[in-house]
mmCIF file of all heavy atoms, coordinates in Angstrom:
data_MODEL
# 
_entry.id   MODEL 
# 
loop_
_atom_site.group_PDB 
_atom_site.id 
_atom_site.type_symbol 
_atom_site.label_atom_id 
_atom_site.label_alt_id 
_atom_site.label_comp_id 
_atom_site.label_asym_id 
_atom_site.label_entity_id 
_atom_site.label_seq_id 
_atom_site.pdbx_PDB_ins_code 
_atom_site.Cartn_x 
_atom_site.Cartn_y 
_atom_site.Cartn_z 
_atom_site.occupancy 
_atom_site.B_iso_or_equiv 
_atom_site.pdbx_formal_charge 
_atom_site.auth_seq_id 
_atom_site.auth_comp_id 
_atom_site.auth_asym_id 
_atom_site.auth_atom_id 
_atom_site.pdbx_PDB_model_num 
ATOM 1   N N   . ILE A 1 1  ? 4.453  1.951   -6.485  1.00 0.00 ? 1  ILE A N   1 
ATOM 2   C CA  . ILE A 1 1  ? 5.453  1.032   -7.036  1.00 0.00 ? 1  ILE A CA  1 
ATOM 3   C C   . ILE A 1 1  ? 5.659  -0.145  -6.083  1.00 0.00 ? 1  ILE A C   1 
ATOM 4   O O   . ILE A 1 1  ? 5.734  -1.302  -6.517  1.00 0.00 ? 1  ILE A O   1 
ATOM 5   C CB  . ILE A 1 1  ? 6.778  1.778   -7.317  1.00 0.00 ? 1  ILE A CB  1 
ATOM 6   C CG1 . ILE A 1 1  ? 6.586  2.749   -8.489  1.00 0.00 ? 1  ILE A CG1 1 
ATOM 7   C CG2 . ILE A 1 1  ? 7.913  0.791   -7.601  1.00 0.00 ? 1  ILE A CG2 1 
ATOM 8   C CD1 . ILE A 1 1  ? 7.742  3.719   -8.692  1.00 0.00 ? 1  ILE A CD1 1 
ATOM 9   N N   . ALA A 1 2  ? 5.724  0.134   -4.793  1.00 0.00 ? 2  ALA A N   1 
ATOM 10  C CA  . ALA A 1 2  ? 5.858  -0.939  -3.803  1.00 0.00 ? 2  ALA A CA  1 
ATOM 11  C C   . ALA A 1 2  ? 4.647  -1.872  -3.864  1.00 0.00 ? 2  ALA A C   1 
ATOM 12  O O   . ALA A 1 2  ? 4.794  -3.107  -3.789  1.00 0.00 ? 2  ALA A O   1 
ATOM 13  C CB  . ALA A 1 2  ? 6.021  -0.358  -2.402  1.00 0.00 ? 2  ALA A CB  1 
ATOM 14  N N   . GLN A 1 3  ? 3.458  -1.301  -4.009  1.00 0.00 ? 3  GLN A N   1 
ATOM 15  C CA  . GLN A 1 3  ? 2.246  -2.115  -4.091  1.00 0.00 ? 3  GLN A CA  1 
ATOM 16  C C   . GLN A 1 3  ? 2.280  -3.037  -5.306  1.00 0.00 ? 3  GLN A C   1 
ATOM 17  O O   . GLN A 1 3  ? 1.880  -4.188  -5.233  1.00 0.00 ? 3  GLN A O   1 
ATOM 18  C CB  . GLN A 1 3  ? 1.002  -1.228  -4.135  1.00 0.00 ? 3  GLN A CB  1 
ATOM 19  C CG  . GLN A 1 3  ? 0.706  -0.540  -2.835  1.00 0.00 ? 3  GLN A CG  1 
ATOM 20  C CD  . GLN A 1 3  ? 0.423  -1.526  -1.731  1.00 0.00 ? 3  GLN A CD  1 
ATOM 21  O OE1 . GLN A 1 3  ? 1.312  -2.188  -1.199  1.00 0.00 ? 3  GLN A OE1 1 
ATOM 22  N NE2 . GLN A 1 3  ? -0.832 -1.659  -1.383  1.00 0.00 ? 3  GLN A NE2 1 
ATOM 23  N N   . TRP A 1 4  ? 2.734  -2.501  -6.424  1.00 0.00 ? 4  TRP A N   1 
ATOM 24  C CA  . TRP A 1 4  ? 2.832  -3.310  -7.635  1.00 0.00 ? 4  TRP A CA  1 
ATOM 25  C C   . TRP A 1 4  ? 3.783  -4.474  -7.401  1.00 0.00 ? 4  TRP A C   1 
ATOM 26  O O   . TRP A 1 4  ? 3.491  -5.610  -7.773  1.00 0.00 ? 4  TRP A O   1 
ATOM 27  C CB  . TRP A 1 4  ? 3.296  -2.437  -8.798  1.00 0.00 ? 4  TRP A CB  1 
ATOM 28  C CG  . TRP A 1 4  ? 3.543  -3.202  -10.050 1.00 0.00 ? 4  TRP A CG  1 
ATOM 29  C CD1 . TRP A 1 4  ? 2.595  -3.726  -10.881 1.00 0.00 ? 4  TRP A CD1 1 
ATOM 30  C CD2 . TRP A 1 4  ? 4.804  -3.560  -10.605 1.00 0.00 ? 4  TRP A CD2 1 
ATOM 31  N NE1 . TRP A 1 4  ? 3.204  -4.388  -11.934 1.00 0.00 ? 4  TRP A NE1 1 
ATOM 32  C CE2 . TRP A 1 4  ? 4.557  -4.288  -11.778 1.00 0.00 ? 4  TRP A CE2 1 
ATOM 33  C CE3 . TRP A 1 4  ? 6.118  -3.315  -10.219 1.00 0.00 ? 4  TRP A CE3 1 
ATOM 34  C CZ2 . TRP A 1 4  ? 5.585  -4.790  -12.565 1.00 0.00 ? 4  TRP A CZ2 1 
ATOM 35  C CZ3 . TRP A 1 4  ? 7.137  -3.805  -11.006 1.00 0.00 ? 4  TRP A CZ3 1 
ATOM 36  C CH2 . TRP A 1 4  ? 6.864  -4.532  -12.163 1.00 0.00 ? 4  TRP A CH2 1 
ATOM 37  N N   . ALA A 1 5  ? 4.921  -4.201  -6.765  1.00 0.00 ? 5  ALA A N   1 
ATOM 38  C CA  . ALA A 1 5  ? 5.903  -5.251  -6.493  1.00 0.00 ? 5  ALA A CA  1 
ATOM 39  C C   . ALA A 1 5  ? 5.372  -6.279  -5.497  1.00 0.00 ? 5  ALA A C   1 
ATOM 40  O O   . ALA A 1 5  ? 5.674  -7.469  -5.610  1.00 0.00 ? 5  ALA A O   1 
ATOM 41  C CB  . ALA A 1 5  ? 7.201  -4.633  -5.981  1.00 0.00 ? 5  ALA A CB  1 
ATOM 42  N N   . LEU A 1 6  ? 4.584  -5.824  -4.541  1.00 0.00 ? 6  LEU A N   1 
ATOM 43  C CA  . LEU A 1 6  ? 4.068  -6.713  -3.497  1.00 0.00 ? 6  LEU A CA  1 
ATOM 44  C C   . LEU A 1 6  ? 2.782  -7.440  -3.889  1.00 0.00 ? 6  LEU A C   1 
ATOM 45  O O   . LEU A 1 6  ? 2.398  -8.414  -3.231  1.00 0.00 ? 6  LEU A O   1 
ATOM 46  C CB  . LEU A 1 6  ? 3.791  -5.918  -2.220  1.00 0.00 ? 6  LEU A CB  1 
ATOM 47  C CG  . LEU A 1 6  ? 5.002  -5.451  -1.429  1.00 0.00 ? 6  LEU A CG  1 
ATOM 48  C CD1 . LEU A 1 6  ? 4.582  -4.423  -0.392  1.00 0.00 ? 6  LEU A CD1 1 
ATOM 49  C CD2 . LEU A 1 6  ? 5.687  -6.641  -0.769  1.00 0.00 ? 6  LEU A CD2 1 
ATOM 50  N N   . ALA A 1 7  ? 2.117  -6.995  -4.934  1.00 0.00 ? 7  ALA A N   1 
ATOM 51  C CA  . ALA A 1 7  ? 0.786  -7.514  -5.276  1.00 0.00 ? 7  ALA A CA  1 
ATOM 52  C C   . ALA A 1 7  ? 0.767  -9.023  -5.444  1.00 0.00 ? 7  ALA A C   1 
ATOM 53  O O   . ALA A 1 7  ? -0.193 -9.684  -5.045  1.00 0.00 ? 7  ALA A O   1 
ATOM 54  C CB  . ALA A 1 7  ? 0.256  -6.830  -6.523  1.00 0.00 ? 7  ALA A CB  1 
ATOM 55  N N   . GLU A 1 8  ? 1.793  -9.576  -6.039  1.00 0.00 ? 8  GLU A N   1 
ATOM 56  C CA  . GLU A 1 8  ? 1.821  -11.019 -6.275  1.00 0.00 ? 8  GLU A CA  1 
ATOM 57  C C   . GLU A 1 8  ? 2.694  -11.764 -5.268  1.00 0.00 ? 8  GLU A C   1 
ATOM 58  O O   . GLU A 1 8  ? 2.925  -12.959 -5.428  1.00 0.00 ? 8  GLU A O   1 
ATOM 59  C CB  . GLU A 1 8  ? 2.306  -11.294 -7.705  1.00 0.00 ? 8  GLU A CB  1 
ATOM 60  C CG  . GLU A 1 8  ? 1.427  -10.681 -8.782  1.00 0.00 ? 8  GLU A CG  1 
ATOM 61  C CD  . GLU A 1 8  ? -0.025 -11.163 -8.727  1.00 0.00 ? 8  GLU A CD  1 
ATOM 62  O OE1 . GLU A 1 8  ? -0.260 -12.348 -8.425  1.00 0.00 ? 8  GLU A OE1 1 
ATOM 63  O OE2 . GLU A 1 8  ? -0.926 -10.344 -8.979  1.00 0.00 ? 8  GLU A OE2 1 
ATOM 64  N N   . SER A 1 9  ? 3.167  -11.081 -4.251  1.00 0.00 ? 9  SER A N   1 
ATOM 65  C CA  . SER A 1 9  ? 4.036  -11.724 -3.266  1.00 0.00 ? 9  SER A CA  1 
ATOM 66  C C   . SER A 1 9  ? 3.197  -12.385 -2.170  1.00 0.00 ? 9  SER A C   1 
ATOM 67  O O   . SER A 1 9  ? 1.974  -12.252 -2.120  1.00 0.00 ? 9  SER A O   1 
ATOM 68  C CB  . SER A 1 9  ? 4.983  -10.702 -2.645  1.00 0.00 ? 9  SER A CB  1 
ATOM 69  O OG  . SER A 1 9  ? 4.289  -9.927  -1.688  1.00 0.00 ? 9  SER A OG  1 
ATOM 70  N N   . ASP A 1 10 ? 3.902  -13.061 -1.293  1.00 0.00 ? 10 ASP A N   1 
ATOM 71  C CA  . ASP A 1 10 ? 3.231  -13.679 -0.151  1.00 0.00 ? 10 ASP A CA  1 
ATOM 72  C C   . ASP A 1 10 ? 3.109  -12.723 1.030   1.00 0.00 ? 10 ASP A C   1 
ATOM 73  O O   . ASP A 1 10 ? 2.563  -13.085 2.057   1.00 0.00 ? 10 ASP A O   1 
ATOM 74  C CB  . ASP A 1 10 ? 4.006  -14.935 0.293   1.00 0.00 ? 10 ASP A CB  1 
ATOM 75  C CG  . ASP A 1 10 ? 3.893  -16.057 -0.715  1.00 0.00 ? 10 ASP A CG  1 
ATOM 76  O OD1 . ASP A 1 10 ? 2.875  -16.104 -1.441  1.00 0.00 ? 10 ASP A OD1 1 
ATOM 77  O OD2 . ASP A 1 10 ? 4.818  -16.886 -0.786  1.00 0.00 ? 10 ASP A OD2 1 
ATOM 78  N N   . ASN A 1 11 ? 3.613  -11.512 0.879   1.00 0.00 ? 11 ASN A N   1 
ATOM 79  C CA  . ASN A 1 11 ? 3.595  -10.566 1.988   1.00 0.00 ? 11 ASN A CA  1 
ATOM 80  C C   . ASN A 1 11 ? 2.323  -9.710  1.944   1.00 0.00 ? 11 ASN A C   1 
ATOM 81  O O   . ASN A 1 11 ? 2.375  -8.500  1.745   1.00 0.00 ? 11 ASN A O   1 
ATOM 82  C CB  . ASN A 1 11 ? 4.848  -9.686  1.961   1.00 0.00 ? 11 ASN A CB  1 
ATOM 83  C CG  . ASN A 1 11 ? 5.099  -9.038  3.300   1.00 0.00 ? 11 ASN A CG  1 
ATOM 84  O OD1 . ASN A 1 11 ? 4.191  -8.903  4.116   1.00 0.00 ? 11 ASN A OD1 1 
ATOM 85  N ND2 . ASN A 1 11 ? 6.326  -8.628  3.523   1.00 0.00 ? 11 ASN A ND2 1 
ATOM 86  N N   . VAL A 1 12 ? 1.206  -10.363 2.143   1.00 0.00 ? 12 VAL A N   1 
ATOM 87  C CA  . VAL A 1 12 ? -0.089 -9.680  2.114   1.00 0.00 ? 12 VAL A CA  1 
ATOM 88  C C   . VAL A 1 12 ? -0.197 -8.615  3.204   1.00 0.00 ? 12 VAL A C   1 
ATOM 89  O O   . VAL A 1 12 ? -0.679 -7.504  2.937   1.00 0.00 ? 12 VAL A O   1 
ATOM 90  C CB  . VAL A 1 12 ? -1.250 -10.695 2.202   1.00 0.00 ? 12 VAL A CB  1 
ATOM 91  C CG1 . VAL A 1 12 ? -2.598 -9.999  2.321   1.00 0.00 ? 12 VAL A CG1 1 
ATOM 92  C CG2 . VAL A 1 12 ? -1.218 -11.618 0.999   1.00 0.00 ? 12 VAL A CG2 1 
ATOM 93  N N   . PRO A 1 13 ? 0.267  -8.886  4.442   1.00 0.00 ? 13 PRO A N   1 
ATOM 94  C CA  . PRO A 1 13 ? 0.145  -7.839  5.467   1.00 0.00 ? 13 PRO A CA  1 
ATOM 95  C C   . PRO A 1 13 ? 0.869  -6.542  5.103   1.00 0.00 ? 13 PRO A C   1 
ATOM 96  O O   . PRO A 1 13 ? 0.344  -5.454  5.354   1.00 0.00 ? 13 PRO A O   1 
ATOM 97  C CB  . PRO A 1 13 ? 0.768  -8.482  6.712   1.00 0.00 ? 13 PRO A CB  1 
ATOM 98  C CG  . PRO A 1 13 ? 0.597  -9.948  6.495   1.00 0.00 ? 13 PRO A CG  1 
ATOM 99  C CD  . PRO A 1 13 ? 0.754  -10.148 5.009   1.00 0.00 ? 13 PRO A CD  1 
ATOM 100 N N   . LEU A 1 14 ? 2.048  -6.641  4.496   1.00 0.00 ? 14 LEU A N   1 
ATOM 101 C CA  . LEU A 1 14 ? 2.760  -5.433  4.102   1.00 0.00 ? 14 LEU A CA  1 
ATOM 102 C C   . LEU A 1 14 ? 2.020  -4.723  2.967   1.00 0.00 ? 14 LEU A C   1 
ATOM 103 O O   . LEU A 1 14 ? 1.910  -3.488  2.960   1.00 0.00 ? 14 LEU A O   1 
ATOM 104 C CB  . LEU A 1 14 ? 4.200  -5.754  3.689   1.00 0.00 ? 14 LEU A CB  1 
ATOM 105 C CG  . LEU A 1 14 ? 5.081  -4.552  3.342   1.00 0.00 ? 14 LEU A CG  1 
ATOM 106 C CD1 . LEU A 1 14 ? 5.153  -3.558  4.511   1.00 0.00 ? 14 LEU A CD1 1 
ATOM 107 C CD2 . LEU A 1 14 ? 6.473  -5.010  2.932   1.00 0.00 ? 14 LEU A CD2 1 
ATOM 108 N N   . HIS A 1 15 ? 1.491  -5.488  2.014   1.00 0.00 ? 15 HIS A N   1 
ATOM 109 C CA  . HIS A 1 15 ? 0.705  -4.916  0.918   1.00 0.00 ? 15 HIS A CA  1 
ATOM 110 C C   . HIS A 1 15 ? -0.497 -4.156  1.476   1.00 0.00 ? 15 HIS A C   1 
ATOM 111 O O   . HIS A 1 15 ? -0.779 -3.024  1.059   1.00 0.00 ? 15 HIS A O   1 
ATOM 112 C CB  . HIS A 1 15 ? 0.258  -6.031  -0.037  1.00 0.00 ? 15 HIS A CB  1 
ATOM 113 C CG  . HIS A 1 15 ? -0.536 -5.565  -1.204  1.00 0.00 ? 15 HIS A CG  1 
ATOM 114 N ND1 . HIS A 1 15 ? 0.041  -4.984  -2.311  1.00 0.00 ? 15 HIS A ND1 1 
ATOM 115 C CD2 . HIS A 1 15 ? -1.871 -5.593  -1.448  1.00 0.00 ? 15 HIS A CD2 1 
ATOM 116 C CE1 . HIS A 1 15 ? -0.905 -4.681  -3.185  1.00 0.00 ? 15 HIS A CE1 1 
ATOM 117 N NE2 . HIS A 1 15 ? -2.084 -5.029  -2.686  1.00 0.00 ? 15 HIS A NE2 1 
ATOM 118 N N   . GLN A 1 16 ? -1.180 -4.757  2.429   1.00 0.00 ? 16 GLN A N   1 
ATOM 119 C CA  . GLN A 1 16 ? -2.350 -4.108  3.036   1.00 0.00 ? 16 GLN A CA  1 
ATOM 120 C C   . GLN A 1 16 ? -1.947 -2.853  3.804   1.00 0.00 ? 16 GLN A C   1 
ATOM 121 O O   . GLN A 1 16 ? -2.616 -1.819  3.715   1.00 0.00 ? 16 GLN A O   1 
ATOM 122 C CB  . GLN A 1 16 ? -3.062 -5.083  3.968   1.00 0.00 ? 16 GLN A CB  1 
ATOM 123 C CG  . GLN A 1 16 ? -3.696 -6.245  3.245   1.00 0.00 ? 16 GLN A CG  1 
ATOM 124 C CD  . GLN A 1 16 ? -4.190 -7.322  4.201   1.00 0.00 ? 16 GLN A CD  1 
ATOM 125 O OE1 . GLN A 1 16 ? -3.677 -7.479  5.309   1.00 0.00 ? 16 GLN A OE1 1 
ATOM 126 N NE2 . GLN A 1 16 ? -5.195 -8.074  3.753   1.00 0.00 ? 16 GLN A NE2 1 
ATOM 127 N N   . SER A 1 17 ? -0.846 -2.925  4.543   1.00 0.00 ? 17 SER A N   1 
ATOM 128 C CA  . SER A 1 17 ? -0.392 -1.777  5.334   1.00 0.00 ? 17 SER A CA  1 
ATOM 129 C C   . SER A 1 17 ? -0.001 -0.611  4.449   1.00 0.00 ? 17 SER A C   1 
ATOM 130 O O   . SER A 1 17 ? -0.363 0.544   4.716   1.00 0.00 ? 17 SER A O   1 
ATOM 131 C CB  . SER A 1 17 ? 0.794  -2.186  6.221   1.00 0.00 ? 17 SER A CB  1 
ATOM 132 O OG  . SER A 1 17 ? 0.389  -3.131  7.184   1.00 0.00 ? 17 SER A OG  1 
ATOM 133 N N   . ILE A 1 18 ? 0.741  -0.893  3.382   1.00 0.00 ? 18 ILE A N   1 
ATOM 134 C CA  . ILE A 1 18 ? 1.139  0.184   2.470   1.00 0.00 ? 18 ILE A CA  1 
ATOM 135 C C   . ILE A 1 18 ? -0.102 0.766   1.780   1.00 0.00 ? 18 ILE A C   1 
ATOM 136 O O   . ILE A 1 18 ? -0.189 1.972   1.577   1.00 0.00 ? 18 ILE A O   1 
ATOM 137 C CB  . ILE A 1 18 ? 2.188  -0.312  1.461   1.00 0.00 ? 18 ILE A CB  1 
ATOM 138 C CG1 . ILE A 1 18 ? 3.503  -0.608  2.190   1.00 0.00 ? 18 ILE A CG1 1 
ATOM 139 C CG2 . ILE A 1 18 ? 2.412  0.728   0.355   1.00 0.00 ? 18 ILE A CG2 1 
ATOM 140 C CD1 . ILE A 1 18 ? 4.564  -1.256  1.329   1.00 0.00 ? 18 ILE A CD1 1 
ATOM 141 N N   . GLY A 1 19 ? -1.070 -0.082  1.461   1.00 0.00 ? 19 GLY A N   1 
ATOM 142 C CA  . GLY A 1 19 ? -2.315 0.409   0.872   1.00 0.00 ? 19 GLY A CA  1 
ATOM 143 C C   . GLY A 1 19 ? -3.031 1.392   1.781   1.00 0.00 ? 19 GLY A C   1 
ATOM 144 O O   . GLY A 1 19 ? -3.512 2.444   1.336   1.00 0.00 ? 19 GLY A O   1 
ATOM 145 N N   . MET A 1 20 ? -3.078 1.089   3.068   1.00 0.00 ? 20 MET A N   1 
ATOM 146 C CA  . MET A 1 20 ? -3.724 1.997   4.013   1.00 0.00 ? 20 MET A CA  1 
ATOM 147 C C   . MET A 1 20 ? -2.886 3.268   4.211   1.00 0.00 ? 20 MET A C   1 
ATOM 148 O O   . MET A 1 20 ? -3.432 4.357   4.414   1.00 0.00 ? 20 MET A O   1 
ATOM 149 C CB  . MET A 1 20 ? -3.971 1.298   5.352   1.00 0.00 ? 20 MET A CB  1 
ATOM 150 C CG  . MET A 1 20 ? -5.002 0.172   5.285   1.00 0.00 ? 20 MET A CG  1 
ATOM 151 S SD  . MET A 1 20 ? -6.645 0.714   4.722   1.00 0.00 ? 20 MET A SD  1 
ATOM 152 C CE  . MET A 1 20 ? -6.594 0.260   2.993   1.00 0.00 ? 20 MET A CE  1 
ATOM 153 N N   . ALA A 1 21 ? -1.562 3.141   4.114   1.00 0.00 ? 21 ALA A N   1 
ATOM 154 C CA  . ALA A 1 21 ? -0.704 4.336   4.188   1.00 0.00 ? 21 ALA A CA  1 
ATOM 155 C C   . ALA A 1 21 ? -0.958 5.231   2.975   1.00 0.00 ? 21 ALA A C   1 
ATOM 156 O O   . ALA A 1 21 ? -1.002 6.464   3.108   1.00 0.00 ? 21 ALA A O   1 
ATOM 157 C CB  . ALA A 1 21 ? 0.766  3.918   4.253   1.00 0.00 ? 21 ALA A CB  1 
ATOM 158 N N   . ILE A 1 22 ? -1.157 4.625   1.809   1.00 0.00 ? 22 ILE A N   1 
ATOM 159 C CA  . ILE A 1 22 ? -1.472 5.406   0.612   1.00 0.00 ? 22 ILE A CA  1 
ATOM 160 C C   . ILE A 1 22 ? -2.821 6.107   0.781   1.00 0.00 ? 22 ILE A C   1 
ATOM 161 O O   . ILE A 1 22 ? -2.979 7.267   0.390   1.00 0.00 ? 22 ILE A O   1 
ATOM 162 C CB  . ILE A 1 22 ? -1.450 4.524   -0.649  1.00 0.00 ? 22 ILE A CB  1 
ATOM 163 C CG1 . ILE A 1 22 ? -0.006 4.110   -0.962  1.00 0.00 ? 22 ILE A CG1 1 
ATOM 164 C CG2 . ILE A 1 22 ? -2.071 5.236   -1.847  1.00 0.00 ? 22 ILE A CG2 1 
ATOM 165 C CD1 . ILE A 1 22 ? 0.117  3.072   -2.067  1.00 0.00 ? 22 ILE A CD1 1 
ATOM 166 N N   . LEU A 1 23 ? -3.788 5.433   1.388   1.00 0.00 ? 23 LEU A N   1 
ATOM 167 C CA  . LEU A 1 23 ? -5.081 6.064   1.650   1.00 0.00 ? 23 LEU A CA  1 
ATOM 168 C C   . LEU A 1 23 ? -4.906 7.281   2.564   1.00 0.00 ? 23 LEU A C   1 
ATOM 169 O O   . LEU A 1 23 ? -5.473 8.353   2.301   1.00 0.00 ? 23 LEU A O   1 
ATOM 170 C CB  . LEU A 1 23 ? -6.057 5.059   2.267   1.00 0.00 ? 23 LEU A CB  1 
ATOM 171 C CG  . LEU A 1 23 ? -7.450 5.586   2.608   1.00 0.00 ? 23 LEU A CG  1 
ATOM 172 C CD1 . LEU A 1 23 ? -8.166 6.108   1.376   1.00 0.00 ? 23 LEU A CD1 1 
ATOM 173 C CD2 . LEU A 1 23 ? -8.269 4.483   3.281   1.00 0.00 ? 23 LEU A CD2 1 
ATOM 174 N N   . ALA A 1 24 ? -4.103 7.139   3.613   1.00 0.00 ? 24 ALA A N   1 
ATOM 175 C CA  . ALA A 1 24 ? -3.842 8.270   4.516   1.00 0.00 ? 24 ALA A CA  1 
ATOM 176 C C   . ALA A 1 24 ? -3.136 9.398   3.770   1.00 0.00 ? 24 ALA A C   1 
ATOM 177 O O   . ALA A 1 24 ? -3.484 10.576  3.936   1.00 0.00 ? 24 ALA A O   1 
ATOM 178 C CB  . ALA A 1 24 ? -3.006 7.806   5.710   1.00 0.00 ? 24 ALA A CB  1 
ATOM 179 N N   . LEU A 1 25 ? -2.152 9.052   2.934   1.00 0.00 ? 25 LEU A N   1 
ATOM 180 C CA  . LEU A 1 25 ? -1.467 10.072  2.133   1.00 0.00 ? 25 LEU A CA  1 
ATOM 181 C C   . LEU A 1 25 ? -2.425 10.761  1.164   1.00 0.00 ? 25 LEU A C   1 
ATOM 182 O O   . LEU A 1 25 ? -2.307 11.962  0.918   1.00 0.00 ? 25 LEU A O   1 
ATOM 183 C CB  . LEU A 1 25 ? -0.312 9.454   1.352   1.00 0.00 ? 25 LEU A CB  1 
ATOM 184 C CG  . LEU A 1 25 ? 0.963  9.159   2.139   1.00 0.00 ? 25 LEU A CG  1 
ATOM 185 C CD1 . LEU A 1 25 ? 1.931  8.343   1.288   1.00 0.00 ? 25 LEU A CD1 1 
ATOM 186 C CD2 . LEU A 1 25 ? 1.611  10.453  2.608   1.00 0.00 ? 25 LEU A CD2 1 
ATOM 187 N N   . ALA A 1 26 ? -3.378 10.002  0.620   1.00 0.00 ? 26 ALA A N   1 
ATOM 188 C CA  . ALA A 1 26 ? -4.357 10.584  -0.299  1.00 0.00 ? 26 ALA A CA  1 
ATOM 189 C C   . ALA A 1 26 ? -5.215 11.619  0.419   1.00 0.00 ? 26 ALA A C   1 
ATOM 190 O O   . ALA A 1 26 ? -5.519 12.682  -0.144  1.00 0.00 ? 26 ALA A O   1 
ATOM 191 C CB  . ALA A 1 26 ? -5.229 9.493   -0.918  1.00 0.00 ? 26 ALA A CB  1 
ATOM 192 N N   . VAL A 1 27 ? -5.594 11.334  1.662   1.00 0.00 ? 27 VAL A N   1 
ATOM 193 C CA  . VAL A 1 27 ? -6.370 12.301  2.448   1.00 0.00 ? 27 VAL A CA  1 
ATOM 194 C C   . VAL A 1 27 ? -5.544 13.564  2.676   1.00 0.00 ? 27 VAL A C   1 
ATOM 195 O O   . VAL A 1 27 ? -6.016 14.685  2.435   1.00 0.00 ? 27 VAL A O   1 
ATOM 196 C CB  . VAL A 1 27 ? -6.816 11.690  3.800   1.00 0.00 ? 27 VAL A CB  1 
ATOM 197 C CG1 . VAL A 1 27 ? -7.405 12.756  4.724   1.00 0.00 ? 27 VAL A CG1 1 
ATOM 198 C CG2 . VAL A 1 27 ? -7.815 10.565  3.573   1.00 0.00 ? 27 VAL A CG2 1 
ATOM 199 N N   . VAL A 1 28 ? -4.296 13.392  3.103   1.00 0.00 ? 28 VAL A N   1 
ATOM 200 C CA  . VAL A 1 28 ? -3.414 14.536  3.343   1.00 0.00 ? 28 VAL A CA  1 
ATOM 201 C C   . VAL A 1 28 ? -3.194 15.308  2.048   1.00 0.00 ? 28 VAL A C   1 
ATOM 202 O O   . VAL A 1 28 ? -3.257 16.546  2.018   1.00 0.00 ? 28 VAL A O   1 
ATOM 203 C CB  . VAL A 1 28 ? -2.067 14.077  3.945   1.00 0.00 ? 28 VAL A CB  1 
ATOM 204 C CG1 . VAL A 1 28 ? -1.057 15.215  3.998   1.00 0.00 ? 28 VAL A CG1 1 
ATOM 205 C CG2 . VAL A 1 28 ? -2.281 13.477  5.326   1.00 0.00 ? 28 VAL A CG2 1 
ATOM 206 N N   . ARG A 1 29 ? -2.959 14.572  0.969   1.00 0.00 ? 29 ARG A N   1 
ATOM 207 C CA  . ARG A 1 29 ? -2.698 15.208  -0.317  1.00 0.00 ? 29 ARG A CA  1 
ATOM 208 C C   . ARG A 1 29 ? -3.903 16.021  -0.798  1.00 0.00 ? 29 ARG A C   1 
ATOM 209 O O   . ARG A 1 29 ? -3.756 17.131  -1.297  1.00 0.00 ? 29 ARG A O   1 
ATOM 210 C CB  . ARG A 1 29 ? -2.336 14.128  -1.330  1.00 0.00 ? 29 ARG A CB  1 
ATOM 211 C CG  . ARG A 1 29 ? -1.796 14.672  -2.587  1.00 0.00 ? 29 ARG A CG  1 
ATOM 212 C CD  . ARG A 1 29 ? -1.252 13.597  -3.475  1.00 0.00 ? 29 ARG A CD  1 
ATOM 213 N NE  . ARG A 1 29 ? -0.919 14.226  -4.743  1.00 0.00 ? 29 ARG A NE  1 
ATOM 214 C CZ  . ARG A 1 29 ? -0.402 13.610  -5.756  1.00 0.00 ? 29 ARG A CZ  1 
ATOM 215 N NH1 . ARG A 1 29 ? -0.137 12.338  -5.675  1.00 0.00 ? 29 ARG A NH1 1 
ATOM 216 N NH2 . ARG A 1 29 ? -0.140 14.251  -6.862  1.00 0.00 ? 29 ARG A NH2 1 
ATOM 217 N N   . LEU A 1 30 ? -5.101 15.462  -0.654  1.00 0.00 ? 30 LEU A N   1 
ATOM 218 C CA  . LEU A 1 30 ? -6.304 16.180  -1.064  1.00 0.00 ? 30 LEU A CA  1 
ATOM 219 C C   . LEU A 1 30 ? -6.508 17.430  -0.208  1.00 0.00 ? 30 LEU A C   1 
ATOM 220 O O   . LEU A 1 30 ? -6.806 18.508  -0.739  1.00 0.00 ? 30 LEU A O   1 
ATOM 221 C CB  . LEU A 1 30 ? -7.524 15.266  -0.991  1.00 0.00 ? 30 LEU A CB  1 
ATOM 222 C CG  . LEU A 1 30 ? -8.847 15.892  -1.419  1.00 0.00 ? 30 LEU A CG  1 
ATOM 223 C CD1 . LEU A 1 30 ? -8.790 16.363  -2.866  1.00 0.00 ? 30 LEU A CD1 1 
ATOM 224 C CD2 . LEU A 1 30 ? -9.985 14.912  -1.227  1.00 0.00 ? 30 LEU A CD2 1 
# 
């Protein structure tokens, strides 16, 4: 949800950071 909200914003670094956090969570979740 945060990624969706940030996708069109100017806060690209936060979007990228949350994306990598989701990747880490996906590894843990799997």
